[in-house]
C-alpha atoms as a PDB file:
ATOM      1  CA  MET A   1       6.601  -6.747 -27.024  1.00  0.00           C
ATOM      2  CA  GLU A   2       5.293  -6.023 -23.517  1.00  0.00           C
ATOM      3  CA  THR A   3       1.552  -5.618 -23.108  1.00  0.00           C
ATOM      4  CA  ILE A   4       0.288  -3.070 -20.585  1.00  0.00           C
ATOM      5  CA  ASN A   5      -2.635  -4.231 -18.440  1.00  0.00           C
ATOM      6  CA  LEU A   6      -4.978  -1.252 -18.199  1.00  0.00           C
ATOM      7  CA  THR A   7      -6.639  -2.432 -14.985  1.00  0.00           C
ATOM      8  CA  THR A   8      -3.890  -3.784 -12.691  1.00  0.00           C
ATOM      9  CA  ILE A   9      -0.193  -3.353 -11.909  1.00  0.00           C
ATOM     10  CA  LYS A  10       1.475  -6.193  -9.987  1.00  0.00           C
ATOM     11  CA  LYS A  11       4.967  -6.038  -8.521  1.00  0.00           C
ATOM     12  CA  GLU A  12       6.857  -8.048  -5.968  1.00  0.00           C
ATOM     13  CA  VAL A  13      10.191  -7.856  -4.196  1.00  0.00           C
ATOM     14  CA  LEU A  14      11.978 -10.190  -1.828  1.00  0.00           C
ATOM     15  CA  VAL A  15      13.376  -8.284   1.133  1.00  0.00           C
ATOM     16  CA  ASN A  16      15.993  -9.409   3.616  1.00  0.00           C
ATOM     17  CA  ALA A  17      13.915  -8.566   6.672  1.00  0.00           C
ATOM     18  CA  SER A  18      11.382 -10.245   8.927  1.00  0.00           C
ATOM     19  CA  GLN A  19       7.706  -9.897   8.058  1.00  0.00           C
ATOM     20  CA  GLU A  20       7.250  -7.451  10.945  1.00  0.00           C
ATOM     21  CA  THR A  21      10.208  -5.309   9.871  1.00  0.00           C
ATOM     22  CA  ALA A  22       9.137  -5.345   6.216  1.00  0.00           C
ATOM     23  CA  PHE A  23       5.662  -4.138   7.217  1.00  0.00           C
ATOM     24  CA  LYS A  24       6.994  -1.468   9.576  1.00  0.00           C
ATOM     25  CA  VAL A  25       9.416  -0.097   6.974  1.00  0.00           C
ATOM     26  CA  PHE A  26       6.640   0.090   4.359  1.00  0.00           C
ATOM     27  CA  THR A  27       4.062   1.721   6.606  1.00  0.00           C
ATOM     28  CA  GLY A  28       6.104   3.590   9.215  1.00  0.00           C
ATOM     29  CA  ARG A  29       9.155   4.671   7.282  1.00  0.00           C
ATOM     30  CA  MET A  30       7.644   5.585   3.922  1.00  0.00           C
ATOM     31  CA  ASP A  31       9.496   8.886   4.001  1.00  0.00           C
ATOM     32  CA  ALA A  32      12.828   6.999   3.988  1.00  0.00           C
ATOM     33  CA  TRP A  33      12.125   5.302   0.662  1.00  0.00           C
ATOM     34  CA  TRP A  34       9.371   7.176  -1.232  1.00  0.00           C
ATOM     35  CA  PRO A  35      11.157   9.410  -3.786  1.00  0.00           C
ATOM     36  CA  LYS A  36      10.760  13.130  -3.132  1.00  0.00           C
ATOM     37  CA  THR A  37      10.384  13.612  -6.907  1.00  0.00           C
ATOM     38  CA  HIS A  38       7.123  11.622  -6.996  1.00  0.00           C
ATOM     39  CA  HIS A  39       4.424  13.894  -5.600  1.00  0.00           C
ATOM     40  CA  VAL A  40       1.439  15.936  -6.720  1.00  0.00           C
ATOM     41  CA  GLY A  41       2.053  19.073  -4.672  1.00  0.00           C
ATOM     42  CA  LYS A  42       2.711  22.489  -6.178  1.00  0.00           C
ATOM     43  CA  CYS A  43       6.157  22.838  -4.565  1.00  0.00           C
ATOM     44  CA  PRO A  44       8.914  20.385  -3.529  1.00  0.00           C
ATOM     45  CA  MET A  45       7.919  17.589  -1.163  1.00  0.00           C
ATOM     46  CA  VAL A  46       9.663  17.349   2.196  1.00  0.00           C
ATOM     47  CA  GLU A  47       7.881  14.319   3.697  1.00  0.00           C
ATOM     48  CA  SER A  48       5.703  11.375   2.748  1.00  0.00           C
ATOM     49  CA  VAL A  49       3.333  10.311   5.546  1.00  0.00           C
ATOM     50  CA  LEU A  50       1.178   7.233   6.098  1.00  0.00           C
ATOM     51  CA  GLU A  51      -0.760   7.342   9.369  1.00  0.00           C
ATOM     52  CA  GLN A  52      -0.395   3.853  10.817  1.00  0.00           C
ATOM     53  CA  LYS A  53      -3.978   2.927  11.658  1.00  0.00           C
ATOM     54  CA  GLN A  54      -7.247   1.894  10.075  1.00  0.00           C
ATOM     55  CA  SER A  55      -8.554   4.847   8.009  1.00  0.00           C
ATOM     56  CA  GLY A  56      -5.244   6.698   8.520  1.00  0.00           C
ATOM     57  CA  ARG A  57      -4.371   9.416   6.016  1.00  0.00           C
ATOM     58  CA  TRP A  58      -1.780   9.041   3.263  1.00  0.00           C
ATOM     59  CA  PHE A  59      -0.402  12.451   2.323  1.00  0.00           C
ATOM     60  CA  SER A  60       2.691  14.484   1.541  1.00  0.00           C
ATOM     61  CA  ARG A  61       4.041  17.629   3.186  1.00  0.00           C
ATOM     62  CA  HIS A  62       5.679  20.354   1.113  1.00  0.00           C
ATOM     63  CA  GLU A  63       8.198  23.158   1.511  1.00  0.00           C
ATOM     64  CA  ASP A  64       5.439  25.775   1.731  1.00  0.00           C
ATOM     65  CA  GLY A  65       3.852  23.900   4.670  1.00  0.00           C
ATOM     66  CA  SER A  66       0.987  22.515   2.607  1.00  0.00           C
ATOM     67  CA  GLU A  67      -0.276  18.943   2.876  1.00  0.00           C
ATOM     68  CA  VAL A  68      -1.518  17.118  -0.219  1.00  0.00           C
ATOM     69  CA  GLU A  69      -3.799  14.099   0.124  1.00  0.00           C
ATOM     70  CA  ILE A  70      -2.893  10.902  -1.705  1.00  0.00           C
ATOM     71  CA  GLY A  71      -5.468   8.609  -0.106  1.00  0.00           C
ATOM     72  CA  HIS A  72      -6.050   6.652   3.086  1.00  0.00           C
ATOM     73  CA  ILE A  73      -5.810   3.194   4.614  1.00  0.00           C
ATOM     74  CA  LEU A  74      -8.702   0.910   3.704  1.00  0.00           C
ATOM     75  CA  LYS A  75      -7.396  -2.171   5.533  1.00  0.00           C
ATOM     76  CA  TRP A  76      -4.765  -2.315   8.276  1.00  0.00           C
ATOM     77  CA  GLU A  77      -3.584  -5.799   9.289  1.00  0.00           C
ATOM     78  CA  PRO A  78      -0.143  -5.691  10.921  1.00  0.00           C
ATOM     79  CA  TYR A  79       2.107  -7.431   9.824  1.00  0.00           C
ATOM     80  CA  GLY A  80       0.481  -9.205   6.913  1.00  0.00           C
ATOM     81  CA  GLN A  81      -1.403  -6.708   4.777  1.00  0.00           C
ATOM     82  CA  VAL A  82      -2.239  -3.092   4.139  1.00  0.00           C
ATOM     83  CA  ILE A  83      -4.688  -1.846   1.501  1.00  0.00           C
ATOM     84  CA  LEU A  84      -4.412   1.796   0.531  1.00  0.00           C
ATOM     85  CA  ALA A  85      -6.892   3.992  -1.291  1.00  0.00           C
ATOM     86  CA  TRP A  86      -5.010   5.771  -4.106  1.00  0.00           C
ATOM     87  CA  GLN A  87      -7.010   8.895  -4.926  1.00  0.00           C
ATOM     88  CA  ILE A  88      -4.750  10.401  -7.582  1.00  0.00           C
ATOM     89  CA  ASP A  89      -6.271  10.477 -11.059  1.00  0.00           C
ATOM     90  CA  GLY A  90      -4.705  10.034 -14.499  1.00  0.00           C
ATOM     91  CA  ASN A  91      -3.747  13.730 -14.528  1.00  0.00           C
ATOM     92  CA  PHE A  92      -1.924  13.175 -11.217  1.00  0.00           C
ATOM     93  CA  GLN A  93      -4.368  15.299  -9.222  1.00  0.00           C
ATOM     94  CA  TYR A  94      -6.081  14.348  -5.967  1.00  0.00           C
ATOM     95  CA  ASP A  95      -9.735  13.389  -6.500  1.00  0.00           C
ATOM     96  CA  PRO A  96     -11.680  12.663  -3.285  1.00  0.00           C
ATOM     97  CA  ALA A  97     -14.358  10.809  -5.292  1.00  0.00           C
ATOM     98  CA  LEU A  98     -11.823   8.397  -6.844  1.00  0.00           C
ATOM     99  CA  ILE A  99     -10.542   5.238  -5.208  1.00  0.00           C
ATOM    100  CA  THR A 100      -8.191   2.743  -6.780  1.00  0.00           C
ATOM    101  CA  GLU A 101      -6.693   0.173  -4.426  1.00  0.00           C
ATOM    102  CA  VAL A 102      -3.048  -0.535  -3.649  1.00  0.00           C
ATOM    103  CA  GLU A 103      -2.927  -3.878  -1.844  1.00  0.00           C
ATOM    104  CA  VAL A 104       0.379  -4.843  -0.263  1.00  0.00           C
ATOM    105  CA  ASN A 105       0.900  -8.300   1.235  1.00  0.00           C
ATOM    106  CA  PHE A 106       3.874  -9.239   3.393  1.00  0.00           C
ATOM    107  CA  ILE A 107       4.535 -12.971   3.149  1.00  0.00           C
ATOM    108  CA  ALA A 108       7.140 -14.442   5.497  1.00  0.00           C
ATOM    109  CA  GLU A 109       9.416 -16.841   3.661  1.00  0.00           C
ATOM    110  CA  GLY A 110      11.823 -17.276   6.545  1.00  0.00           C
ATOM    111  CA  PRO A 111      12.777 -15.527   9.788  1.00  0.00           C
ATOM    112  CA  LYS A 112      14.593 -12.744   7.894  1.00  0.00           C
ATOM    113  CA  THR A 113      13.078 -13.014   4.416  1.00  0.00           C
ATOM    114  CA  THR A 114       9.742 -11.554   3.301  1.00  0.00           C
ATOM    115  CA  ARG A 115       8.067 -11.497  -0.093  1.00  0.00           C
ATOM    116  CA  VAL A 116       6.276  -8.199  -0.582  1.00  0.00           C
ATOM    117  CA  VAL A 117       3.545  -8.409  -3.211  1.00  0.00           C
ATOM    118  CA  MET A 118       1.915  -5.175  -4.387  1.00  0.00           C
ATOM    119  CA  GLU A 119      -1.134  -4.906  -6.626  1.00  0.00           C
ATOM    120  CA  HIS A 120      -2.554  -1.563  -7.755  1.00  0.00           C
ATOM    121  CA  ARG A 121      -5.983  -2.301  -9.195  1.00  0.00           C
ATOM    122  CA  ASP A 122      -8.958  -0.581 -10.809  1.00  0.00           C
ATOM    123  CA  LEU A 123      -6.613   1.546 -12.915  1.00  0.00           C
ATOM    124  CA  GLN A 124      -9.256   1.994 -15.610  1.00  0.00           C
ATOM    125  CA  LYS A 125     -10.869   4.492 -13.191  1.00  0.00           C
ATOM    126  CA  LEU A 126      -7.872   6.839 -13.492  1.00  0.00           C
ATOM    127  CA  GLY A 127      -8.362   7.851 -17.108  1.00  0.00           C
ATOM    128  CA  GLY A 128      -5.391   8.485 -19.352  1.00  0.00           C
ATOM    129  CA  GLY A 129      -5.097   5.004 -20.833  1.00  0.00           C
ATOM    130  CA  ALA A 130      -1.942   3.056 -21.605  1.00  0.00           C
ATOM    131  CA  LYS A 131       0.468   5.994 -21.225  1.00  0.00           C
ATOM    132  CA  VAL A 132      -0.603   6.723 -17.638  1.00  0.00           C
ATOM    133  CA  VAL A 133      -0.668   3.043 -16.657  1.00  0.00           C
ATOM    134  CA  GLY A 134       2.709   2.429 -18.325  1.00  0.00           C
ATOM    135  CA  ASP A 135       4.246   5.366 -16.459  1.00  0.00           C
ATOM    136  CA  MET A 136       2.734   4.120 -13.196  1.00  0.00           C
ATOM    137  CA  ASP A 137       3.980   0.583 -13.881  1.00  0.00           C
ATOM    138  CA  ASN A 138       7.526   1.902 -14.273  1.00  0.00           C
ATOM    139  CA  GLY A 139       7.100   4.164 -11.249  1.00  0.00           C
ATOM    140  CA  TRP A 140       5.881   1.373  -8.959  1.00  0.00           C
ATOM    141  CA  GLY A 141       8.822  -0.813 -10.030  1.00  0.00           C
ATOM    142  CA  MET A 142      11.309   1.930  -9.151  1.00  0.00           C
ATOM    143  CA  ILE A 143       9.536   2.804  -5.882  1.00  0.00           C
ATOM    144  CA  LEU A 144       9.434  -0.817  -4.674  1.00  0.00           C
ATOM    145  CA  ASN A 145      13.134  -1.205  -5.429  1.00  0.00           C
ATOM    146  CA  LEU A 146      13.829   1.882  -3.287  1.00  0.00           C
ATOM    147  CA  TYR A 147      11.687   0.353  -0.539  1.00  0.00           C
ATOM    148  CA  LYS A 148      13.682  -2.908  -0.796  1.00  0.00           C
ATOM    149  CA  VAL A 149      16.973  -1.076  -0.226  1.00  0.00           C
ATOM    150  CA  VAL A 150      15.672   0.496   3.007  1.00  0.00           C
ATOM    151  CA  ALA A 151      13.981  -2.726   4.194  1.00  0.00           C
ATOM    152  CA  ASP A 152      17.133  -4.761   3.526  1.00  0.00           C
ATOM    153  CA  GLU A 153      19.126  -2.373   5.733  1.00  0.00           C
ATOM    154  CA  ALA A 154      16.562  -2.248   8.570  1.00  0.00           C
END
């Protein structure tokens, strides 16, 4: 039986891309791999955006022209690490007072191979318990696999 950690989700994928490419695909091409079905807006999402700079916004754009905040960049270190503030609570609503961290490290294992290690921590702050964390655990696994497909082709 699998045990759900209520504080941290850890995932990793090995991508067939240089460290620089892996970082650029994650940060600069998020819209190419983030699923349009995974958003908190009131109408369908048309774009996922991560502003590529320290303190840059992380948000989604929607069919009605609205923008919905997800968080922002806490740490920007091309091409080794990005730490994102996830400000979506256990009810999947934006909460400007909430910050859980999504740390993503890009570890070169060869000229065209990079290990991407993601840790979403402080999940106890979200509320919602094991069901929310379990759903997020599954979601992050699926999302990172979609990222891997795009990074492998870059």
